Amino acid sequence: MTVHVVGGGLVGPLMAVYLAQKGFDVALYERRPDMRRADVPAGRSINLAVTARGLKALGEVGLRDAVMKISIPMKGRMIHDAEGKTSFLPYGQKEDEVIYAASRGLLNKVLLEAAGKHKNVEMKFDEAFTVEDLVALEKAPVIAADGAWSIVRKHMLENVHNFDYSQSFQTYGYKELVIPSDAQGGFRMEKNALHIWPRNQYMLIALPNTDGSFTVTLFYPYDGFEKLKTPEDVKTFFKRDFPDVVPLMPALAGDFFANPTGALVTVKCAPWNDGNRVLIGDAAHAIVPFFAQGMNSGFEDCALLNSLIGKNPDWEKVFAEFCQKRKADADAIADMAIENFHEMRAGVTDPKFALKKQVGFALEQRWPEKFIPRYSMVIFHPEIPYAEAKQRGIMQGEILEELCANIDAPEELDWQLAERLLA
């Protein structure tokens, strides 16, 4: 029997590789041309962060090294204040606690090439999967990784009794821009960092690319975008709020008006399964990008689903068990991603933020079995489910609030109080 995987973006091809390595025949459907052979736009963000959860899933099918070769390690956040001064906040405190910037297009090609190497994978490009296709495949297993605007999910919404669905848009949009490489092809800023220009109600971020450029993204309220009508408006805005970046962006105004304004949406639904059909990745749980977990959580979906599939699976039971095990974690990371937006655009400017980071690291060093910072749990500890990380993070937030209330430096930490609070 053939397993039908809908969507040739990032999650679909990885799922196809998992299935192929288990010996299943796989049909992979993608509405775009084959980006291995054509210059196909990468879609939404052209730059992504790969973290431990994604790397673990990639490693299970032998793709970790291939992805690392096209990635740049980022060791922390480089914060740019309004005067252009910078300060560095490390993500973790261990040598391997880094995240990796990678091009969406290159990642997609690596995954498609991996799927294409398997003779039992048939890839159907320029072929939009339709409701008619779904109906025709009534008895075959269908795994839908067709993104936030999933056709399969739409069909389930219309046909599954009591299907619960919500989509929530942020009042912010985003615009992608570029800092080109210098004349020698080198980086114009520190390459091993995620750069953030936090401005309370909005922010600019930049991630490095392997060609020496940076992908820059402005997250800004929609009503603010509406006021930036001319090249002069854009230049004035950037010179006022991001003065240090303006000299690095010679094509700023042109890029601003040439590139579309993207939307930020969270999608939650239930159930993800309907008989022998199941939703994974963004089709099941689209999230905002502020915890760098959209792709990583999708890859983790693939790993979990694969672990439940035996040699002669009862697909209906497998898909039901997958949803039962995964739904709470998907909801948790969706919520944490929205919370992290506030942290990135405003929280990092609070002096107490850096202090809490340092105190959190100190607690982790002394009692690693009792305290791991929430960010580290999500980014560096795939063995800790998202829902657990969220719950522990709430309690730890209260502990850090109490420990940092009356101190200005980690050296002033009351260790006896810390021990009591962590007991």
Protein backbone atom coordinates (compact mmCIF):
# COMPACT_ATOMS: atom_id res chain seq x y z
CA MET A 1 0.00 0.00 0.00
CA THR A 2 1.21 3.51 -0.85
CA VAL A 3 1.35 6.21 1.82
CA HIS A 4 0.39 9.60 0.36
CA VAL A 5 2.23 12.63 1.76
CA VAL A 6 0.77 16.01 0.82
CA GLY A 7 3.21 18.93 0.72
CA GLY A 8 6.78 19.10 -0.53
CA GLY A 9 7.94 21.96 1.69
CA LEU A 10 10.07 20.99 4.68
CA VAL A 11 8.00 18.61 6.79
CA GLY A 12 6.53 16.54 3.94
CA PRO A 13 9.86 15.41 2.42
CA LEU A 14 11.26 14.52 5.86
CA MET A 15 8.17 12.40 6.55
CA ALA A 16 8.64 10.75 3.16
CA VAL A 17 12.24 9.86 4.05
CA TYR A 18 11.14 8.33 7.36
CA LEU A 19 8.49 6.24 5.60
CA ALA A 20 10.81 5.20 2.76
CA GLN A 21 13.46 4.02 5.21
CA LYS A 22 10.78 1.87 6.84
CA GLY A 23 10.10 0.27 3.47
CA PHE A 24 6.80 1.93 2.56
CA ASP A 25 5.96 3.11 -0.94
CA VAL A 26 5.41 6.86 -0.78
CA ALA A 27 3.74 9.36 -3.11
CA LEU A 28 4.73 12.97 -2.35
CA TYR A 29 2.57 15.77 -3.82
CA GLU A 30 3.82 19.35 -4.28
CA ARG A 31 1.98 22.11 -6.17
CA ARG A 32 5.21 24.00 -6.99
CA PRO A 33 7.84 22.95 -9.55
CA ASP A 34 10.75 20.77 -8.45
CA MET A 35 13.03 23.27 -6.72
CA ARG A 36 16.00 20.94 -7.18
CA ARG A 37 15.83 21.70 -10.90
CA ALA A 38 14.16 25.11 -11.08
CA ASP A 39 14.69 28.48 -9.47
CA VAL A 40 11.60 28.35 -7.29
CA PRO A 41 10.99 31.04 -4.63
CA ALA A 42 11.44 29.59 -1.15
CA GLY A 43 8.11 30.93 0.05
CA ARG A 44 7.59 32.84 3.31
CA SER A 45 10.76 33.43 5.31
CA ILE A 46 13.87 32.67 3.30
CA ASN A 47 15.83 32.12 6.49
CA LEU A 48 15.17 29.68 9.33
CA ALA A 49 16.68 28.58 12.63
CA VAL A 50 17.37 24.89 13.15
CA THR A 51 17.45 23.81 16.81
CA ALA A 52 18.09 20.60 18.75
CA ARG A 53 14.59 19.20 18.18
CA GLY A 54 14.90 19.52 14.43
CA LEU A 55 18.47 18.23 14.42
CA LYS A 56 17.45 15.18 16.45
CA ALA A 57 14.77 14.28 13.90
CA LEU A 58 17.15 14.90 10.99
CA GLY A 59 19.78 12.75 12.69
CA GLU A 60 17.39 9.81 12.92
CA VAL A 61 17.34 9.59 9.11
CA GLY A 62 20.99 10.49 8.56
CA LEU A 63 20.45 14.09 7.41
CA ARG A 64 21.93 16.04 10.32
CA ASP A 65 25.36 16.50 8.71
CA ALA A 66 23.89 17.57 5.37
CA VAL A 67 21.88 20.30 7.09
CA MET A 68 24.81 21.41 9.25
CA LYS A 69 26.88 21.96 6.09
CA ILE A 70 24.45 24.65 4.89
CA SER A 71 24.00 26.29 8.31
CA ILE A 72 25.71 28.99 10.36
CA PRO A 73 25.88 28.63 14.16
CA MET A 74 24.39 31.48 16.19
CA LYS A 75 25.63 31.55 19.78
CA GLY A 76 23.24 34.18 21.09
CA ARG A 77 21.36 37.42 20.53
CA MET A 78 23.22 40.59 19.59
CA ILE A 79 21.06 43.42 20.91
CA HIS A 80 21.32 46.78 19.08
CA ASP A 81 20.01 49.72 21.11
CA ALA A 82 18.61 52.96 19.68
CA GLU A 83 22.07 54.60 19.74
CA GLY A 84 23.65 51.72 17.84
CA LYS A 85 25.43 50.21 20.84
CA THR A 86 25.48 46.42 20.98
CA SER A 87 25.36 43.86 23.79
CA PHE A 88 25.56 40.08 23.47
CA LEU A 89 23.23 37.67 25.31
CA PRO A 90 24.28 34.01 24.92
CA TYR A 91 21.53 31.45 24.28
CA GLY A 92 23.03 28.92 26.65
CA GLN A 93 26.14 28.34 28.72
CA LYS A 94 27.49 25.16 27.14
CA GLU A 95 29.65 24.99 24.03
CA ASP A 96 27.02 23.12 22.02
CA GLU A 97 24.10 25.34 23.06
CA VAL A 98 23.78 27.20 19.78
CA ILE A 99 21.10 27.42 17.11
CA TYR A 100 21.74 27.27 13.38
CA ALA A 101 20.65 29.68 10.66
CA ALA A 102 19.85 28.06 7.32
CA SER A 103 18.24 29.08 4.04
CA ARG A 104 14.71 27.72 3.62
CA GLY A 105 15.45 27.04 -0.05
CA LEU A 106 18.66 25.11 0.64
CA LEU A 107 16.97 23.14 3.41
CA ASN A 108 14.12 22.27 1.09
CA LYS A 109 16.56 21.05 -1.56
CA VAL A 110 18.46 18.87 0.93
CA LEU A 111 15.21 17.23 2.05
CA LEU A 112 13.85 16.75 -1.47
CA GLU A 113 17.15 15.26 -2.62
CA ALA A 114 17.10 12.87 0.33
CA ALA A 115 13.55 11.78 -0.49
CA GLY A 116 14.39 11.48 -4.19
CA LYS A 117 17.22 9.03 -3.52
CA HIS A 118 14.69 6.41 -2.43
CA LYS A 119 13.29 4.33 -5.27
CA ASN A 120 10.11 3.78 -3.27
CA VAL A 121 9.33 7.53 -3.22
CA GLU A 122 7.43 8.98 -6.18
CA MET A 123 7.49 12.78 -6.20
CA LYS A 124 4.70 14.57 -8.06
CA PHE A 125 5.59 18.21 -8.70
CA ASP A 126 3.36 20.87 -10.28
CA GLU A 127 0.51 18.86 -8.86
CA ALA A 128 -1.80 20.60 -6.42
CA PHE A 129 -3.48 18.03 -4.19
CA THR A 130 -7.24 18.52 -4.36
CA VAL A 131 -10.31 17.46 -2.41
CA GLU A 132 -11.10 15.17 -5.33
CA ASP A 133 -7.72 13.49 -4.86
CA LEU A 134 -8.44 13.05 -1.17
CA VAL A 135 -11.84 11.50 -1.83
CA ALA A 136 -10.33 9.16 -4.44
CA LEU A 137 -7.79 7.95 -1.86
CA GLU A 138 -10.53 6.94 0.54
CA LYS A 139 -8.80 3.77 1.79
CA ALA A 140 -5.15 4.84 1.56
CA PRO A 141 -3.22 6.53 4.39
CA VAL A 142 -2.79 10.27 3.81
CA ILE A 143 -0.36 12.41 5.81
CA ALA A 144 -1.06 16.10 5.20
CA ALA A 145 1.93 18.41 5.57
CA ASP A 146 0.42 21.03 3.27
CA GLY A 147 0.97 24.04 5.48
CA ALA A 148 -1.03 26.66 7.33
CA TRP A 149 -3.66 26.86 4.55
CA SER A 150 -4.01 23.07 4.28
CA ILE A 151 -6.49 21.71 1.73
CA VAL A 152 -6.81 18.49 3.73
CA ARG A 153 -7.61 20.40 6.92
CA LYS A 154 -10.20 22.49 5.06
CA HIS A 155 -11.89 19.28 3.94
CA MET A 156 -11.87 17.97 7.52
CA LEU A 157 -13.32 21.25 8.79
CA GLU A 158 -16.22 20.87 6.37
CA ASN A 159 -16.80 17.15 6.86
CA VAL A 160 -15.67 16.02 10.33
CA HIS A 161 -18.35 16.33 13.01
CA ASN A 162 -17.40 18.77 15.80
CA PHE A 163 -14.09 19.70 14.18
CA ASP A 164 -12.61 22.45 16.34
CA TYR A 165 -10.70 25.15 14.46
CA SER A 166 -9.31 28.57 15.25
CA GLN A 167 -6.94 30.93 13.50
CA SER A 168 -5.57 34.01 15.17
CA PHE A 169 -3.69 36.76 13.35
CA GLN A 170 -1.25 39.09 15.08
CA THR A 171 -1.82 42.81 14.58
CA TYR A 172 1.73 42.81 13.23
CA GLY A 173 2.99 42.01 9.77
CA TYR A 174 6.53 41.42 8.62
CA LYS A 175 8.69 42.64 5.76
CA GLU A 176 11.88 40.90 4.61
CA LEU A 177 14.93 42.94 3.62
CA VAL A 178 18.62 42.25 2.98
CA ILE A 179 22.02 43.32 4.25
CA PRO A 180 24.30 42.28 1.36
CA SER A 181 27.79 40.91 1.87
CA ASP A 182 30.75 43.27 1.63
CA ALA A 183 32.88 43.63 -1.52
CA GLN A 184 34.94 40.57 -0.57
CA GLY A 185 31.86 38.44 0.14
CA GLY A 186 32.28 38.78 3.90
CA PHE A 187 29.81 39.60 6.67
CA ARG A 188 29.15 43.24 7.61
CA MET A 189 28.18 42.29 11.19
CA GLU A 190 29.01 39.53 13.66
CA LYS A 191 27.98 36.36 11.80
CA ASN A 192 27.54 33.99 14.76
CA ALA A 193 24.60 35.83 16.31
CA LEU A 194 20.94 36.57 15.76
CA HIS A 195 20.80 40.36 15.64
CA ILE A 196 17.84 42.12 17.25
CA TRP A 197 16.89 45.80 17.25
CA PRO A 198 14.15 45.78 19.95
CA ARG A 199 11.97 48.87 20.03
CA ASN A 200 9.20 47.85 22.48
CA GLN A 201 6.23 47.83 20.09
CA TYR A 202 8.18 46.53 17.10
CA MET A 203 11.57 45.13 16.17
CA LEU A 204 14.05 44.34 13.44
CA ILE A 205 15.98 41.05 13.35
CA ALA A 206 18.76 39.72 11.11
CA LEU A 207 20.01 36.17 10.52
CA PRO A 208 23.24 35.29 8.67
CA ASN A 209 23.37 33.51 5.31
CA THR A 210 26.23 31.38 3.98
CA ASP A 211 26.91 33.89 1.16
CA GLY A 212 27.88 36.64 3.63
CA SER A 213 24.53 38.42 3.56
CA PHE A 214 21.91 38.75 6.29
CA THR A 215 18.19 38.24 5.94
CA VAL A 216 16.58 41.15 7.79
CA THR A 217 12.97 41.10 8.96
CA LEU A 218 10.95 44.05 10.22
CA PHE A 219 8.05 43.09 12.51
CA TYR A 220 5.79 46.12 12.63
CA PRO A 221 2.11 46.92 13.33
CA TYR A 222 -0.06 46.95 10.21
CA ASP A 223 -1.17 50.51 10.86
CA GLY A 224 2.51 51.47 10.94
CA PHE A 225 3.18 49.85 7.57
CA GLU A 226 0.29 51.86 6.13
CA LYS A 227 2.07 55.10 7.03
CA LEU A 228 5.28 54.16 5.20
CA LYS A 229 4.12 55.22 1.74
CA THR A 230 7.26 56.58 0.06
CA PRO A 231 10.99 55.72 -0.08
CA GLU A 232 11.62 58.85 1.97
CA ASP A 233 9.18 57.66 4.66
CA VAL A 234 11.07 54.36 4.91
CA LYS A 235 14.50 55.97 5.07
CA THR A 236 13.38 58.47 7.71
CA PHE A 237 11.86 55.69 9.83
CA PHE A 238 14.98 53.51 9.65
CA LYS A 239 17.37 56.42 10.30
CA ARG A 240 15.36 57.33 13.38
CA ASP A 241 14.89 53.85 14.87
CA PHE A 242 17.66 51.67 13.39
CA PRO A 243 20.45 54.15 12.54
CA ASP A 244 23.33 51.66 12.65
CA VAL A 245 21.77 49.37 10.04
CA VAL A 246 20.97 51.99 7.39
CA PRO A 247 24.53 52.22 5.95
CA LEU A 248 24.52 48.42 5.57
CA MET A 249 21.35 48.38 3.41
CA PRO A 250 21.96 50.25 0.14
CA ALA A 251 18.77 48.85 -1.43
CA LEU A 252 16.58 49.45 1.64
CA ALA A 253 13.76 51.45 0.03
CA GLY A 254 13.68 49.32 -3.12
CA ASP A 255 13.54 46.08 -1.15
CA PHE A 256 10.89 47.49 1.17
CA PHE A 257 8.43 48.20 -1.63
CA ALA A 258 9.36 45.19 -3.77
CA ASN A 259 8.73 42.63 -1.03
CA PRO A 260 5.25 41.76 0.25
CA THR A 261 4.08 42.27 3.82
CA GLY A 262 3.67 38.85 5.41
CA ALA A 263 1.06 37.81 7.98
CA LEU A 264 1.64 36.14 11.35
CA VAL A 265 -0.95 33.47 12.12
CA THR A 266 -1.52 30.84 14.78
CA VAL A 267 -3.68 27.87 13.80
CA LYS A 268 -5.12 25.41 16.31
CA CYS A 269 -7.47 22.58 15.46
CA ALA A 270 -8.72 19.22 16.70
CA PRO A 271 -8.87 16.41 15.91
CA TRP A 272 -5.86 16.22 13.59
CA ASN A 273 -6.92 12.76 12.46
CA ASP A 274 -9.90 11.48 10.54
CA GLY A 275 -9.71 7.75 9.93
CA ASN A 276 -6.67 7.11 7.77
CA ARG A 277 -5.86 10.82 7.35
CA VAL A 278 -3.73 12.95 9.63
CA LEU A 279 -2.43 16.53 9.75
CA ILE A 280 1.18 17.29 10.73
CA GLY A 281 3.35 20.41 10.87
CA ASP A 282 1.73 23.75 10.04
CA ALA A 283 -1.35 21.98 8.70
CA ALA A 284 -2.08 20.88 12.27
CA HIS A 285 -0.52 23.68 14.30
CA ALA A 286 0.83 26.77 12.52
CA ILE A 287 2.64 29.08 14.93
CA VAL A 288 4.34 32.47 14.87
CA PRO A 289 8.13 32.37 14.35
CA PHE A 290 9.33 33.92 17.61
CA PHE A 291 10.58 30.74 19.27
CA ALA A 292 12.11 29.35 16.06
CA GLN A 293 10.00 26.21 16.47
CA GLY A 294 7.64 26.10 13.48
CA MET A 295 9.85 23.88 11.34
CA ASN A 296 11.46 22.20 14.35
CA SER A 297 8.12 21.19 15.83
CA GLY A 298 7.09 19.88 12.41
CA PHE A 299 10.24 17.76 12.22
CA GLU A 300 9.51 16.51 15.73
CA ASP A 301 6.02 15.53 14.52
CA CYS A 302 7.68 13.33 11.89
CA ALA A 303 9.90 11.64 14.47
CA LEU A 304 7.00 10.93 16.83
CA LEU A 305 4.72 9.67 14.08
CA ASN A 306 7.49 7.46 12.74
CA SER A 307 8.04 5.95 16.21
CA LEU A 308 4.40 4.83 16.29
CA ILE A 309 4.38 3.18 12.87
CA GLY A 310 5.05 -0.56 12.93
CA LYS A 311 5.57 -2.96 10.02
CA ASN A 312 1.87 -3.57 9.40
CA PRO A 313 0.26 -0.51 10.94
CA ASP A 314 -3.37 0.08 11.69
CA TRP A 315 -3.17 3.62 10.32
CA GLU A 316 -6.33 4.80 12.02
CA LYS A 317 -5.00 3.78 15.45
CA VAL A 318 -1.52 5.15 14.73
CA PHE A 319 -2.87 8.54 13.68
CA ALA A 320 -5.22 8.71 16.68
CA GLU A 321 -2.37 7.89 19.08
CA PHE A 322 -0.12 10.47 17.42
CA CYS A 323 -2.71 13.21 17.94
CA GLN A 324 -3.38 12.16 21.52
CA LYS A 325 0.34 12.31 22.34
CA ARG A 326 1.15 15.51 20.46
CA LYS A 327 -1.75 17.98 20.73
CA ALA A 328 -0.91 19.43 24.16
CA ASP A 329 2.70 20.03 23.12
CA ALA A 330 1.64 21.80 19.93
CA ASP A 331 -0.69 24.09 21.87
CA ALA A 332 2.07 24.83 24.38
CA ILE A 333 4.66 25.92 21.81
CA ALA A 334 2.04 28.02 20.01
CA ASP A 335 1.42 29.95 23.23
CA MET A 336 5.11 30.24 24.12
CA ALA A 337 5.95 31.54 20.63
CA ILE A 338 3.55 34.46 21.10
CA GLU A 339 4.98 35.16 24.57
CA ASN A 340 8.49 35.18 23.13
CA PHE A 341 7.53 37.97 20.71
CA HIS A 342 7.11 40.32 23.65
CA GLU A 343 10.42 39.15 25.10
CA MET A 344 12.28 39.80 21.85
CA ARG A 345 10.83 43.24 21.07
CA ALA A 346 10.61 44.60 24.62
CA GLY A 347 11.79 42.23 27.36
CA VAL A 348 15.42 42.12 26.26
CA THR A 349 15.71 45.88 26.87
CA ASP A 350 14.84 45.48 30.57
CA PRO A 351 18.00 45.35 32.75
CA LYS A 352 16.27 42.68 34.85
CA PHE A 353 16.03 40.47 31.75
CA ALA A 354 19.80 40.01 31.53
CA LEU A 355 19.99 39.56 35.31
CA LYS A 356 17.34 36.83 35.26
CA LYS A 357 19.22 35.14 32.41
CA GLN A 358 22.43 35.13 34.46
CA VAL A 359 20.70 33.92 37.62
CA GLY A 360 18.95 31.20 35.62
CA PHE A 361 22.29 30.02 34.28
CA ALA A 362 23.73 30.04 37.82
CA LEU A 363 20.84 27.92 39.11
CA GLU A 364 21.26 25.52 36.20
CA GLN A 365 24.98 25.16 36.95
CA ARG A 366 24.38 24.32 40.59
CA TRP A 367 21.18 22.26 40.27
CA PRO A 368 20.89 21.06 36.65
CA GLU A 369 18.45 18.34 37.69
CA LYS A 370 16.10 20.95 39.18
CA PHE A 371 16.47 24.03 36.98
CA ILE A 372 16.89 24.44 33.23
CA PRO A 373 15.87 27.86 31.84
CA ARG A 374 12.69 27.71 29.78
CA TYR A 375 14.44 28.90 26.64
CA SER A 376 17.02 26.14 27.02
CA MET A 377 14.32 23.51 27.61
CA VAL A 378 12.59 24.46 24.37
CA ILE A 379 15.68 24.97 22.22
CA PHE A 380 18.29 22.54 23.54
CA HIS A 381 16.36 19.74 25.28
CA PRO A 382 14.22 17.70 22.88
CA GLU A 383 13.72 15.12 25.63
CA ILE A 384 11.54 17.66 27.48
CA PRO A 385 8.08 17.97 25.85
CA TYR A 386 6.89 21.48 25.02
CA ALA A 387 3.97 21.23 27.46
CA GLU A 388 6.33 20.32 30.30
CA ALA A 389 8.69 23.15 29.35
CA LYS A 390 5.80 25.61 29.44
CA GLN A 391 4.59 24.44 32.85
CA ARG A 392 8.07 24.38 34.38
CA GLY A 393 8.75 27.77 32.79
CA ILE A 394 5.79 29.34 34.61
CA MET A 395 7.04 28.11 37.98
CA GLN A 396 10.62 29.10 37.20
CA GLY A 397 9.50 32.57 36.16
CA GLU A 398 7.97 33.07 39.60
CA ILE A 399 11.17 31.82 41.27
CA LEU A 400 13.38 34.15 39.22
CA GLU A 401 11.07 37.07 39.94
CA GLU A 402 11.47 36.50 43.68
CA LEU A 403 15.22 35.87 43.55
CA CYS A 404 15.95 38.94 41.41
CA ALA A 405 13.56 41.39 43.08
CA ASN A 406 16.13 42.98 45.37
CA ILE A 407 19.45 42.31 43.67
CA ASP A 408 21.35 43.97 40.84
CA ALA A 409 23.95 41.30 40.06
CA PRO A 410 24.05 37.48 40.14
CA GLU A 411 26.80 37.64 42.79
CA GLU A 412 24.18 38.98 45.23
CA LEU A 413 21.96 35.91 44.84
CA ASP A 414 20.57 34.48 48.08
CA TRP A 415 21.51 30.82 47.61
CA GLN A 416 19.64 29.66 50.71
CA LEU A 417 16.43 31.22 49.41
CA ALA A 418 17.10 29.69 46.00
CA GLU A 419 17.51 26.24 47.54
CA ARG A 420 14.25 26.58 49.45
CA LEU A 421 12.35 27.74 46.36
CA LEU A 422 13.68 24.86 44.28
CA ALA A 423 13.08 22.21 46.95
